[in-house]
PDB file of N, CA and C in Angstrom:
ATOM      1  N   MET A   1     -88.921-143.260-182.060  1.00  0.00           N
ATOM      2  CA  MET A   1     -88.216-144.017-181.059  1.00  0.00           C
ATOM      3  C   MET A   1     -88.309-143.293-179.707  1.00  0.00           C
ATOM      4  N   ASP A   2     -88.184-141.955-179.724  1.00  0.00           N
ATOM      5  CA  ASP A   2     -88.274-141.199-178.479  1.00  0.00           C
ATOM      6  C   ASP A   2     -89.617-141.427-177.793  1.00  0.00           C
ATOM      7  N   VAL A   3     -90.680-141.414-178.567  1.00  0.00           N
ATOM      8  CA  VAL A   3     -92.017-141.631-178.004  1.00  0.00           C
ATOM      9  C   VAL A   3     -92.100-143.018-177.383  1.00  0.00           C
ATOM     10  N   MET A   4     -91.563-144.018-178.073  1.00  0.00           N
ATOM     11  CA  MET A   4     -91.610-145.387-177.553  1.00  0.00           C
ATOM     12  C   MET A   4     -90.803-145.515-176.256  1.00  0.00           C
ATOM     13  N   ILE A   5     -89.674-144.828-176.174  1.00  0.00           N
ATOM     14  CA  ILE A   5     -88.855-144.865-174.956  1.00  0.00           C
ATOM     15  C   ILE A   5     -89.611-144.205-173.814  1.00  0.00           C
ATOM     16  N   ARG A   6     -90.205-143.033-174.092  1.00  0.00           N
ATOM     17  CA  ARG A   6     -90.947-142.324-173.033  1.00  0.00           C
ATOM     18  C   ARG A   6     -92.164-143.112-172.556  1.00  0.00           C
ATOM     19  N   LYS A   7     -92.730-143.921-173.428  1.00  0.00           N
ATOM     20  CA  LYS A   7     -93.882-144.743-173.055  1.00  0.00           C
ATOM     21  C   LYS A   7     -93.450-146.099-172.502  1.00  0.00           C
ATOM     22  N   ASN A   8     -92.156-146.275-172.279  1.00  0.00           N
ATOM     23  CA  ASN A   8     -91.600-147.538-171.782  1.00  0.00           C
ATOM     24  C   ASN A   8     -91.928-148.724-172.681  1.00  0.00           C
ATOM     25  N   GLN A   9     -92.029-148.473-173.972  1.00  0.00           N
ATOM     26  CA  GLN A   9     -92.276-149.544-174.926  1.00  0.00           C
ATOM     27  C   GLN A   9     -90.969-150.138-175.435  1.00  0.00           C
ATOM     28  N   MET A  10     -89.880-149.453-175.159  1.00  0.00           N
ATOM     29  CA  MET A  10     -88.555-149.967-175.499  1.00  0.00           C
ATOM     30  C   MET A  10     -87.543-149.268-174.595  1.00  0.00           C
ATOM     31  N   PRO A  11     -86.411-149.919-174.338  1.00  0.00           N
ATOM     32  CA  PRO A  11     -85.416-149.296-173.466  1.00  0.00           C
ATOM     33  C   PRO A  11     -84.675-148.175-174.192  1.00  0.00           C
ATOM     34  N   GLY A  12     -84.244-147.199-173.427  1.00  0.00           N
ATOM     35  CA  GLY A  12     -83.419-146.135-173.979  1.00  0.00           C
ATOM     36  C   GLY A  12     -81.999-146.627-174.170  1.00  0.00           C
ATOM     37  N   PRO A  13     -81.182-145.825-174.835  1.00  0.00           N
ATOM     38  CA  PRO A  13     -79.787-146.235-175.053  1.00  0.00           C
ATOM     39  C   PRO A  13     -79.017-146.282-173.739  1.00  0.00           C
ATOM     40  N   ASP A  14     -78.054-147.148-173.677  1.00  0.00           N
ATOM     41  CA  ASP A  14     -77.184-147.263-172.510  1.00  0.00           C
ATOM     42  C   ASP A  14     -76.147-146.140-172.583  1.00  0.00           C
ATOM     43  N   ASP A  15     -76.151-145.244-171.592  1.00  0.00           N
ATOM     44  CA  ASP A  15     -75.257-144.081-171.613  1.00  0.00           C
ATOM     45  C   ASP A  15     -73.780-144.469-171.678  1.00  0.00           C
ATOM     46  N   ASP A  16     -73.378-145.434-170.857  1.00  0.00           N
ATOM     47  CA  ASP A  16     -71.969-145.837-170.839  1.00  0.00           C
ATOM     48  C   ASP A  16     -71.543-146.407-172.191  1.00  0.00           C
ATOM     49  N   LYS A  17     -72.396-147.215-172.780  1.00  0.00           N
ATOM     50  CA  LYS A  17     -72.094-147.796-174.085  1.00  0.00           C
ATOM     51  C   LYS A  17     -72.025-146.704-175.160  1.00  0.00           C
ATOM     52  N   SER A  18     -72.932-145.743-175.095  1.00  0.00           N
ATOM     53  CA  SER A  18     -72.934-144.636-176.056  1.00  0.00           C
ATOM     54  C   SER A  18     -71.639-143.834-175.967  1.00  0.00           C
ATOM     55  N   VAL A  19     -71.177-143.568-174.755  1.00  0.00           N
ATOM     56  CA  VAL A  19     -69.927-142.823-174.567  1.00  0.00           C
ATOM     57  C   VAL A  19     -68.753-143.603-175.139  1.00  0.00           C
ATOM     58  N   LEU A  20     -68.683-144.888-174.854  1.00  0.00           N
ATOM     59  CA  LEU A  20     -67.601-145.718-175.390  1.00  0.00           C
ATOM     60  C   LEU A  20     -67.611-145.747-176.918  1.00  0.00           C
ATOM     61  N   GLN A  21     -68.798-145.882-177.491  1.00  0.00           N
ATOM     62  CA  GLN A  21     -68.892-145.919-178.948  1.00  0.00           C
ATOM     63  C   GLN A  21     -68.488-144.583-179.560  1.00  0.00           C
ATOM     64  N   PHE A  22     -68.874-143.481-178.944  1.00  0.00           N
ATOM     65  CA  PHE A  22     -68.523-142.164-179.477  1.00  0.00           C
ATOM     66  C   PHE A  22     -67.020-141.919-179.356  1.00  0.00           C
ATOM     67  N   ARG A  23     -66.436-142.312-178.235  1.00  0.00           N
ATOM     68  CA  ARG A  23     -64.985-142.172-178.075  1.00  0.00           C
ATOM     69  C   ARG A  23     -64.237-143.015-179.119  1.00  0.00           C
ATOM     70  N   PHE A  24     -64.729-144.224-179.356  1.00  0.00           N
ATOM     71  CA  PHE A  24     -64.122-145.070-180.384  1.00  0.00           C
ATOM     72  C   PHE A  24     -64.200-144.385-181.747  1.00  0.00           C
ATOM     73  N   LEU A  25     -65.370-143.835-182.064  1.00  0.00           N
ATOM     74  CA  LEU A  25     -65.567-143.156-183.341  1.00  0.00           C
ATOM     75  C   LEU A  25     -64.582-141.997-183.496  1.00  0.00           C
ATOM     76  N   ILE A  26     -64.428-141.190-182.470  1.00  0.00           N
ATOM     77  CA  ILE A  26     -63.499-140.054-182.514  1.00  0.00           C
ATOM     78  C   ILE A  26     -62.073-140.541-182.758  1.00  0.00           C
ATOM     79  N   GLU A  27     -61.652-141.557-182.015  1.00  0.00           N
ATOM     80  CA  GLU A  27     -60.292-142.085-182.170  1.00  0.00           C
ATOM     81  C   GLU A  27     -60.090-142.728-183.541  1.00  0.00           C
ATOM     82  N   TYR A  28     -61.056-143.531-183.974  1.00  0.00           N
ATOM     83  CA  TYR A  28     -60.925-144.232-185.248  1.00  0.00           C
ATOM     84  C   TYR A  28     -60.855-143.246-186.416  1.00  0.00           C
ATOM     85  N   LEU A  29     -61.803-142.334-186.467  1.00  0.00           N
ATOM     86  CA  LEU A  29     -61.807-141.377-187.574  1.00  0.00           C
ATOM     87  C   LEU A  29     -60.605-140.443-187.502  1.00  0.00           C
ATOM     88  N   GLY A  30     -60.192-140.078-186.291  1.00  0.00           N
ATOM     89  CA  GLY A  30     -58.998-139.241-186.141  1.00  0.00           C
ATOM     90  C   GLY A  30     -57.759-139.919-186.694  1.00  0.00           C
ATOM     91  N   SER A  31     -57.664-141.220-186.515  1.00  0.00           N
ATOM     92  CA  SER A  31     -56.508-141.961-187.026  1.00  0.00           C
ATOM     93  C   SER A  31     -56.574-142.182-188.534  1.00  0.00           C
ATOM     94  N   HIS A  32     -57.709-141.829-189.144  1.00  0.00           N
ATOM     95  CA  HIS A  32     -57.884-141.963-190.593  1.00  0.00           C
ATOM     96  C   HIS A  32     -58.047-140.589-191.255  1.00  0.00           C
ATOM     97  N   ASP A  33     -57.426-139.573-190.654  1.00  0.00           N
ATOM     98  CA  ASP A  33     -57.334-138.229-191.243  1.00  0.00           C
ATOM     99  C   ASP A  33     -58.659-137.467-191.283  1.00  0.00           C
ATOM    100  N   TYR A  34     -59.565-137.756-190.356  1.00  0.00           N
ATOM    101  CA  TYR A  34     -60.798-136.989-190.254  1.00  0.00           C
ATOM    102  C   TYR A  34     -60.697-136.043-189.062  1.00  0.00           C
ATOM    103  N   SER A  35     -61.193-134.818-189.247  1.00  0.00           N
ATOM    104  CA  SER A  35     -61.256-133.849-188.157  1.00  0.00           C
ATOM    105  C   SER A  35     -62.639-133.906-187.528  1.00  0.00           C
ATOM    106  N   HIS A  36     -62.679-133.767-186.222  1.00  0.00           N
ATOM    107  CA  HIS A  36     -63.935-133.745-185.477  1.00  0.00           C
ATOM    108  C   HIS A  36     -64.281-132.289-185.216  1.00  0.00           C
ATOM    109  N   TYR A  37     -65.456-131.865-185.653  1.00  0.00           N
ATOM    110  CA  TYR A  37     -65.896-130.490-185.399  1.00  0.00           C
ATOM    111  C   TYR A  37     -67.370-130.489-185.034  1.00  0.00           C
ATOM    112  N   GLU A  38     -67.800-129.390-184.451  1.00  0.00           N
ATOM    113  CA  GLU A  38     -69.124-129.291-183.855  1.00  0.00           C
ATOM    114  C   GLU A  38     -69.273-130.457-182.869  1.00  0.00           C
ATOM    115  N   ILE A  39     -70.461-130.971-182.728  1.00  0.00           N
ATOM    116  CA  ILE A  39     -70.671-132.051-181.761  1.00  0.00           C
ATOM    117  C   ILE A  39     -70.484-133.412-182.409  1.00  0.00           C
ATOM    118  N   SER A  40     -71.046-133.585-183.589  1.00  0.00           N
ATOM    119  CA  SER A  40     -71.061-134.928-184.179  1.00  0.00           C
ATOM    120  C   SER A  40     -70.621-134.951-185.637  1.00  0.00           C
ATOM    121  N   ASN A  41     -69.889-133.940-186.070  1.00  0.00           N
ATOM    122  CA  ASN A  41     -69.450-133.909-187.468  1.00  0.00           C
ATOM    123  C   ASN A  41     -67.980-134.275-187.588  1.00  0.00           C
ATOM    124  N   PHE A  42     -67.656-134.950-188.688  1.00  0.00           N
ATOM    125  CA  PHE A  42     -66.290-135.335-189.002  1.00  0.00           C
ATOM    126  C   PHE A  42     -66.075-135.061-190.487  1.00  0.00           C
ATOM    127  N   CYS A  43     -64.857-134.697-190.861  1.00  0.00           N
ATOM    128  CA  CYS A  43     -64.572-134.490-192.277  1.00  0.00           C
ATOM    129  C   CYS A  43     -63.083-134.625-192.545  1.00  0.00           C
ATOM    130  N   ARG A  44     -62.759-134.781-193.816  1.00  0.00           N
ATOM    131  CA  ARG A  44     -61.367-134.764-194.254  1.00  0.00           C
ATOM    132  C   ARG A  44     -60.906-133.306-194.260  1.00  0.00           C
ATOM    133  N   PRO A  45     -59.598-133.054-194.250  1.00  0.00           N
ATOM    134  CA  PRO A  45     -59.105-131.666-194.246  1.00  0.00           C
ATOM    135  C   PRO A  45     -59.717-130.835-195.380  1.00  0.00           C
ATOM    136  N   GLY A  46     -60.187-129.651-195.015  1.00  0.00           N
ATOM    137  CA  GLY A  46     -60.756-128.731-195.993  1.00  0.00           C
ATOM    138  C   GLY A  46     -62.147-129.068-196.479  1.00  0.00           C
ATOM    139  N   MET A  47     -62.779-130.068-195.892  1.00  0.00           N
ATOM    140  CA  MET A  47     -64.091-130.505-196.370  1.00  0.00           C
ATOM    141  C   MET A  47     -65.219-130.228-195.365  1.00  0.00           C
ATOM    142  N   TYR A  48     -65.056-129.174-194.574  1.00  0.00           N
ATOM    143  CA  TYR A  48     -66.102-128.822-193.622  1.00  0.00           C
ATOM    144  C   TYR A  48     -67.407-128.515-194.349  1.00  0.00           C
ATOM    145  N   SER A  49     -68.503-128.749-193.690  1.00  0.00           N
ATOM    146  CA  SER A  49     -69.814-128.507-194.282  1.00  0.00           C
ATOM    147  C   SER A  49     -69.975-127.037-194.640  1.00  0.00           C
ATOM    148  N   GLN A  50     -70.232-126.750-195.902  1.00  0.00           N
ATOM    149  CA  GLN A  50     -70.483-125.370-196.312  1.00  0.00           C
ATOM    150  C   GLN A  50     -71.824-124.903-195.792  1.00  0.00           C
ATOM    151  N   HIS A  51     -72.765-125.810-195.687  1.00  0.00           N
ATOM    152  CA  HIS A  51     -74.089-125.474-195.165  1.00  0.00           C
ATOM    153  C   HIS A  51     -73.971-124.930-193.741  1.00  0.00           C
ATOM    154  N   ASN A  52     -73.268-125.648-192.879  1.00  0.00           N
ATOM    155  CA  ASN A  52     -73.124-125.224-191.499  1.00  0.00           C
ATOM    156  C   ASN A  52     -72.287-123.966-191.360  1.00  0.00           C
ATOM    157  N   SER A  53     -71.336-123.737-192.256  1.00  0.00           N
ATOM    158  CA  SER A  53     -70.469-122.574-192.127  1.00  0.00           C
ATOM    159  C   SER A  53     -71.254-121.274-192.224  1.00  0.00           C
ATOM    160  N   SER A  54     -72.399-121.285-192.884  1.00  0.00           N
ATOM    161  CA  SER A  54     -73.241-120.084-192.934  1.00  0.00           C
ATOM    162  C   SER A  54     -73.695-119.698-191.533  1.00  0.00           C
ATOM    163  N   TYR A  55     -73.989-120.685-190.714  1.00  0.00           N
ATOM    164  CA  TYR A  55     -74.397-120.401-189.337  1.00  0.00           C
ATOM    165  C   TYR A  55     -73.241-119.802-188.551  1.00  0.00           C
ATOM    166  N   TRP A  56     -72.075-120.377-188.698  1.00  0.00           N
ATOM    167  CA  TRP A  56     -70.909-119.936-187.941  1.00  0.00           C
ATOM    168  C   TRP A  56     -70.530-118.505-188.288  1.00  0.00           C
ATOM    169  N   LYS A  57     -70.673-118.140-189.573  1.00  0.00           N
ATOM    170  CA  LYS A  57     -70.271-116.804-190.027  1.00  0.00           C
ATOM    171  C   LYS A  57     -71.370-115.759-189.847  1.00  0.00           C
ATOM    172  N   GLY A  58     -72.564-116.178-189.464  1.00  0.00           N
ATOM    173  CA  GLY A  58     -73.666-115.240-189.300  1.00  0.00           C
ATOM    174  C   GLY A  58     -74.286-114.804-190.610  1.00  0.00           C
ATOM    175  N   ASP A  59     -74.074-115.594-191.684  1.00  0.00           N
ATOM    176  CA  ASP A  59     -74.672-115.274-192.982  1.00  0.00           C
ATOM    177  C   ASP A  59     -76.194-115.398-192.904  1.00  0.00           C
ATOM    178  N   HIS A  60     -76.871-114.657-193.746  1.00  0.00           N
ATOM    179  CA  HIS A  60     -78.324-114.782-193.846  1.00  0.00           C
ATOM    180  C   HIS A  60     -78.640-116.075-194.590  1.00  0.00           C
ATOM    181  N   TYR A  61     -79.739-116.721-194.204  1.00  0.00           N
ATOM    182  CA  TYR A  61     -80.181-117.912-194.925  1.00  0.00           C
ATOM    183  C   TYR A  61     -81.690-118.011-194.834  1.00  0.00           C
ATOM    184  N   LEU A  62     -82.276-118.624-195.836  1.00  0.00           N
ATOM    185  CA  LEU A  62     -83.717-118.767-195.928  1.00  0.00           C
ATOM    186  C   LEU A  62     -84.079-120.235-195.875  1.00  0.00           C
ATOM    187  N   GLY A  63     -84.935-120.593-194.945  1.00  0.00           N
ATOM    188  CA  GLY A  63     -85.404-121.963-194.828  1.00  0.00           C
ATOM    189  C   GLY A  63     -86.731-122.124-195.550  1.00  0.00           C
ATOM    190  N   LEU A  64     -86.818-123.091-196.422  1.00  0.00           N
ATOM    191  CA  LEU A  64     -88.035-123.347-197.185  1.00  0.00           C
ATOM    192  C   LEU A  64     -88.615-124.696-196.798  1.00  0.00           C
ATOM    193  N   GLY A  65     -89.886-124.708-196.484  1.00  0.00           N
ATOM    194  CA  GLY A  65     -90.562-125.951-196.136  1.00  0.00           C
ATOM    195  C   GLY A  65     -90.875-126.035-194.656  1.00  0.00           C
ATOM    196  N   PRO A  66     -91.686-127.013-194.290  1.00  0.00           N
ATOM    197  CA  PRO A  66     -92.060-127.191-192.891  1.00  0.00           C
ATOM    198  C   PRO A  66     -90.833-127.381-191.994  1.00  0.00           C
ATOM    199  N   SER A  67     -90.826-126.728-190.858  1.00  0.00           N
ATOM    200  CA  SER A  67     -89.771-126.819-189.836  1.00  0.00           C
ATOM    201  C   SER A  67     -88.452-126.172-190.251  1.00  0.00           C
ATOM    202  N   ALA A  68     -88.355-125.624-191.441  1.00  0.00           N
ATOM    203  CA  ALA A  68     -87.107-125.018-191.897  1.00  0.00           C
ATOM    204  C   ALA A  68     -86.826-123.732-191.113  1.00  0.00           C
ATOM    205  N   HIS A  69     -85.549-123.464-190.884  1.00  0.00           N
ATOM    206  CA  HIS A  69     -85.121-122.285-190.133  1.00  0.00           C
ATOM    207  C   HIS A  69     -84.531-121.237-191.071  1.00  0.00           C
ATOM    208  N   SER A  70     -84.697-119.970-190.704  1.00  0.00           N
ATOM    209  CA  SER A  70     -84.171-118.850-191.471  1.00  0.00           C
ATOM    210  C   SER A  70     -83.495-117.863-190.531  1.00  0.00           C
ATOM    211  N   PHE A  71     -82.596-117.059-191.092  1.00  0.00           N
ATOM    212  CA  PHE A  71     -81.948-115.981-190.335  1.00  0.00           C
ATOM    213  C   PHE A  71     -81.803-114.792-191.265  1.00  0.00           C
ATOM    214  N   ASN A  72     -82.359-113.637-190.860  1.00  0.00           N
ATOM    215  CA  ASN A  72     -82.329-112.444-191.699  1.00  0.00           C
ATOM    216  C   ASN A  72     -81.287-111.422-191.248  1.00  0.00           C
ATOM    217  N   GLY A  73     -80.419-111.805-190.336  1.00  0.00           N
ATOM    218  CA  GLY A  73     -79.412-110.894-189.813  1.00  0.00           C
ATOM    219  C   GLY A  73     -79.811-110.283-188.488  1.00  0.00           C
ATOM    220  N   ILE A  74     -81.097-110.363-188.153  1.00  0.00           N
ATOM    221  CA  ILE A  74     -81.595-109.799-186.901  1.00  0.00           C
ATOM    222  C   ILE A  74     -82.281-110.858-186.051  1.00  0.00           C
ATOM    223  N   THR A  75     -83.122-111.663-186.688  1.00  0.00           N
ATOM    224  CA  THR A  75     -83.854-112.693-185.943  1.00  0.00           C
ATOM    225  C   THR A  75     -83.741-114.042-186.638  1.00  0.00           C
ATOM    226  N   ARG A  76     -83.914-115.084-185.840  1.00  0.00           N
ATOM    227  CA  ARG A  76     -84.023-116.446-186.365  1.00  0.00           C
ATOM    228  C   ARG A  76     -85.506-116.811-186.303  1.00  0.00           C
ATOM    229  N   GLN A  77     -85.997-117.412-187.371  1.00  0.00           N
ATOM    230  CA  GLN A  77     -87.384-117.860-187.415  1.00  0.00           C
ATOM    231  C   GLN A  77     -87.413-119.303-187.859  1.00  0.00           C
ATOM    232  N   TRP A  78     -88.515-119.968-187.549  1.00  0.00           N
ATOM    233  CA  TRP A  78     -88.695-121.324-188.063  1.00  0.00           C
ATOM    234  C   TRP A  78     -90.138-121.495-188.491  1.00  0.00           C
ATOM    235  N   ASN A  79     -90.287-122.220-189.576  1.00  0.00           N
ATOM    236  CA  ASN A  79     -91.613-122.451-190.150  1.00  0.00           C
ATOM    237  C   ASN A  79     -92.387-123.451-189.306  1.00  0.00           C
ATOM    238  N   VAL A  80     -93.710-123.358-189.401  1.00  0.00           N
ATOM    239  CA  VAL A  80     -94.544-124.326-188.687  1.00  0.00           C
ATOM    240  C   VAL A  80     -94.137-125.727-189.145  1.00  0.00           C
ATOM    241  N   SER A  81     -94.277-126.681-188.259  1.00  0.00           N
ATOM    242  CA  SER A  81     -93.786-128.029-188.569  1.00  0.00           C
ATOM    243  C   SER A  81     -94.806-128.918-189.265  1.00  0.00           C
ATOM    244  N   ALA A  82     -96.080-128.686-189.033  1.00  0.00           N
ATOM    245  CA  ALA A  82     -97.113-129.539-189.645  1.00  0.00           C
ATOM    246  C   ALA A  82     -97.246-129.204-191.133  1.00  0.00           C
ATOM    247  N   ILE A  83     -97.076-130.201-191.973  1.00  0.00           N
ATOM    248  CA  ILE A  83     -97.116-129.981-193.421  1.00  0.00           C
ATOM    249  C   ILE A  83     -98.444-129.377-193.861  1.00  0.00           C
ATOM    250  N   SER A  84     -99.552-129.911-193.363  1.00  0.00           N
ATOM    251  CA  SER A  84    -100.866-129.411-193.782  1.00  0.00           C
ATOM    252  C   SER A  84    -101.060-127.951-193.359  1.00  0.00           C
ATOM    253  N   ARG A  85    -100.650-127.608-192.150  1.00  0.00           N
ATOM    254  CA  ARG A  85    -100.793-126.220-191.679  1.00  0.00           C
ATOM    255  C   ARG A  85     -99.879-125.290-192.477  1.00  0.00           C
ATOM    256  N   TYR A  86     -98.641-125.729-192.717  1.00  0.00           N
ATOM    257  CA  TYR A  86     -97.684-124.939-193.504  1.00  0.00           C
ATOM    258  C   TYR A  86     -98.273-124.662-194.888  1.00  0.00           C
ATOM    259  N   SER A  87     -98.789-125.690-195.546  1.00  0.00           N
ATOM    260  CA  SER A  87     -99.360-125.556-196.889  1.00  0.00           C
ATOM    261  C   SER A  87    -100.567-124.612-196.881  1.00  0.00           C
ATOM    262  N   ASP A  88    -101.453-124.775-195.902  1.00  0.00           N
ATOM    263  CA  ASP A  88    -102.633-123.905-195.804  1.00  0.00           C
ATOM    264  C   ASP A  88    -102.225-122.447-195.656  1.00  0.00           C
ATOM    265  N   LEU A  89    -101.258-122.184-194.789  1.00  0.00           N
ATOM    266  CA  LEU A  89    -100.816-120.796-194.565  1.00  0.00           C
ATOM    267  C   LEU A  89    -100.194-120.206-195.825  1.00  0.00           C
ATOM    268  N   ILE A  90     -99.394-120.983-196.523  1.00  0.00           N
ATOM    269  CA  ILE A  90     -98.776-120.515-197.766  1.00  0.00           C
ATOM    270  C   ILE A  90     -99.861-120.155-198.782  1.00  0.00           C
ATOM    271  N   HIS A  91    -100.837-121.045-198.963  1.00  0.00           N
ATOM    272  CA  HIS A  91    -101.909-120.797-199.940  1.00  0.00           C
ATOM    273  C   HIS A  91    -102.774-119.600-199.556  1.00  0.00           C
ATOM    274  N   LYS A  92    -102.887-119.295-198.273  1.00  0.00           N
ATOM    275  CA  LYS A  92    -103.664-118.145-197.812  1.00  0.00           C
ATOM    276  C   LYS A  92    -102.822-116.872-197.784  1.00  0.00           C
ATOM    277  N   GLY A  93    -101.525-116.995-198.099  1.00  0.00           N
ATOM    278  CA  GLY A  93    -100.644-115.826-198.102  1.00  0.00           C
ATOM    279  C   GLY A  93    -100.346-115.303-196.710  1.00  0.00           C
ATOM    280  N   LYS A  94    -100.426-116.181-195.718  1.00  0.00           N
ATOM    281  CA  LYS A  94    -100.200-115.770-194.329  1.00  0.00           C
ATOM    282  C   LYS A  94     -98.796-116.145-193.877  1.00  0.00           C
ATOM    283  N   VAL A  95     -98.372-115.509-192.802  1.00  0.00           N
ATOM    284  CA  VAL A  95     -97.060-115.796-192.214  1.00  0.00           C
ATOM    285  C   VAL A  95     -97.050-117.240-191.727  1.00  0.00           C
ATOM    286  N   HIS A  96     -95.979-117.941-192.048  1.00  0.00           N
ATOM    287  CA  HIS A  96     -95.890-119.356-191.690  1.00  0.00           C
ATOM    288  C   HIS A  96     -94.764-119.627-190.696  1.00  0.00           C
ATOM    289  N   PHE A  97     -94.282-118.571-190.034  1.00  0.00           N
ATOM    290  CA  PHE A  97     -93.267-118.752-188.992  1.00  0.00           C
ATOM    291  C   PHE A  97     -93.943-119.090-187.680  1.00  0.00           C
ATOM    292  N   GLU A  98     -93.359-120.012-186.932  1.00  0.00           N
ATOM    293  CA  GLU A  98     -93.877-120.300-185.597  1.00  0.00           C
ATOM    294  C   GLU A  98     -93.353-119.299-184.589  1.00  0.00           C
ATOM    295  N   ASN A  99     -92.110-118.798-184.825  1.00  0.00           N
ATOM    296  CA  ASN A  99     -91.506-117.936-183.832  1.00  0.00           C
ATOM    297  C   ASN A  99     -90.357-117.179-184.448  1.00  0.00           C
ATOM    298  N   GLY A 100     -89.930-116.148-183.773  1.00  0.00           N
ATOM    299  CA  GLY A 100     -88.741-115.399-184.159  1.00  0.00           C
ATOM    300  C   GLY A 100     -87.998-114.991-182.916  1.00  0.00           C
ATOM    301  N   ILE A 101     -86.700-115.134-182.931  1.00  0.00           N
ATOM    302  CA  ILE A 101     -85.884-114.817-181.762  1.00  0.00           C
ATOM    303  C   ILE A 101     -84.848-113.770-182.145  1.00  0.00           C
ATOM    304  N   PRO A 102     -84.874-112.589-181.489  1.00  0.00           N
ATOM    305  CA  PRO A 102     -83.816-111.619-181.764  1.00  0.00           C
ATOM    306  C   PRO A 102     -82.453-112.211-181.402  1.00  0.00           C
ATOM    307  N   VAL A 103     -81.466-111.939-182.211  1.00  0.00           N
ATOM    308  CA  VAL A 103     -80.133-112.474-181.992  1.00  0.00           C
ATOM    309  C   VAL A 103     -79.199-111.329-181.656  1.00  0.00           C
ATOM    310  N   PRO A 104     -78.574-111.357-180.451  1.00  0.00           N
ATOM    311  CA  PRO A 104     -77.630-110.298-180.097  1.00  0.00           C
ATOM    312  C   PRO A 104     -76.470-110.256-181.074  1.00  0.00           C
ATOM    313  N   VAL A 105     -75.967-109.066-181.334  1.00  0.00           N
ATOM    314  CA  VAL A 105     -74.863-108.889-182.271  1.00  0.00           C
ATOM    315  C   VAL A 105     -73.671-109.732-181.881  1.00  0.00           C
ATOM    316  N   THR A 106     -73.458-109.955-180.593  1.00  0.00           N
ATOM    317  CA  THR A 106     -72.306-110.765-180.140  1.00  0.00           C
ATOM    318  C   THR A 106     -72.392-112.199-180.578  1.00  0.00           C
ATOM    319  N   GLU A 107     -73.590-112.691-180.941  1.00  0.00           N
ATOM    320  CA  GLU A 107     -73.754-114.079-181.375  1.00  0.00           C
ATOM    321  C   GLU A 107     -73.543-114.237-182.871  1.00  0.00           C
ATOM    322  N   ILE A 108     -73.394-113.161-183.583  1.00  0.00           N
ATOM    323  CA  ILE A 108     -73.259-113.227-185.044  1.00  0.00           C
ATOM    324  C   ILE A 108     -71.799-113.302-185.420  1.00  0.00           C
TER     325      ILE A 108
END
């Protein structure tokens, strides 16, 4: 959809309408006992995403597969996104990370 919008093959979303819809969503879910956290997540009390909590706590995690992200306590890395390239690198026993970013201790 992004490509089609950039090529003017379809209109982009209306910003004012998007804001109104998001505000409605926040109010509606809030009135039905859902908490709003992060940017676009909602949950019932005590049901926060365990997956995301690893990021918040600075836990180590391993991403498997194309485009997956990992954190080893020092750097964040992400795997190449193209499936064929990812597979070729794995079969050749080569590094399949596209990049690594050192993470300051204050961000953990």
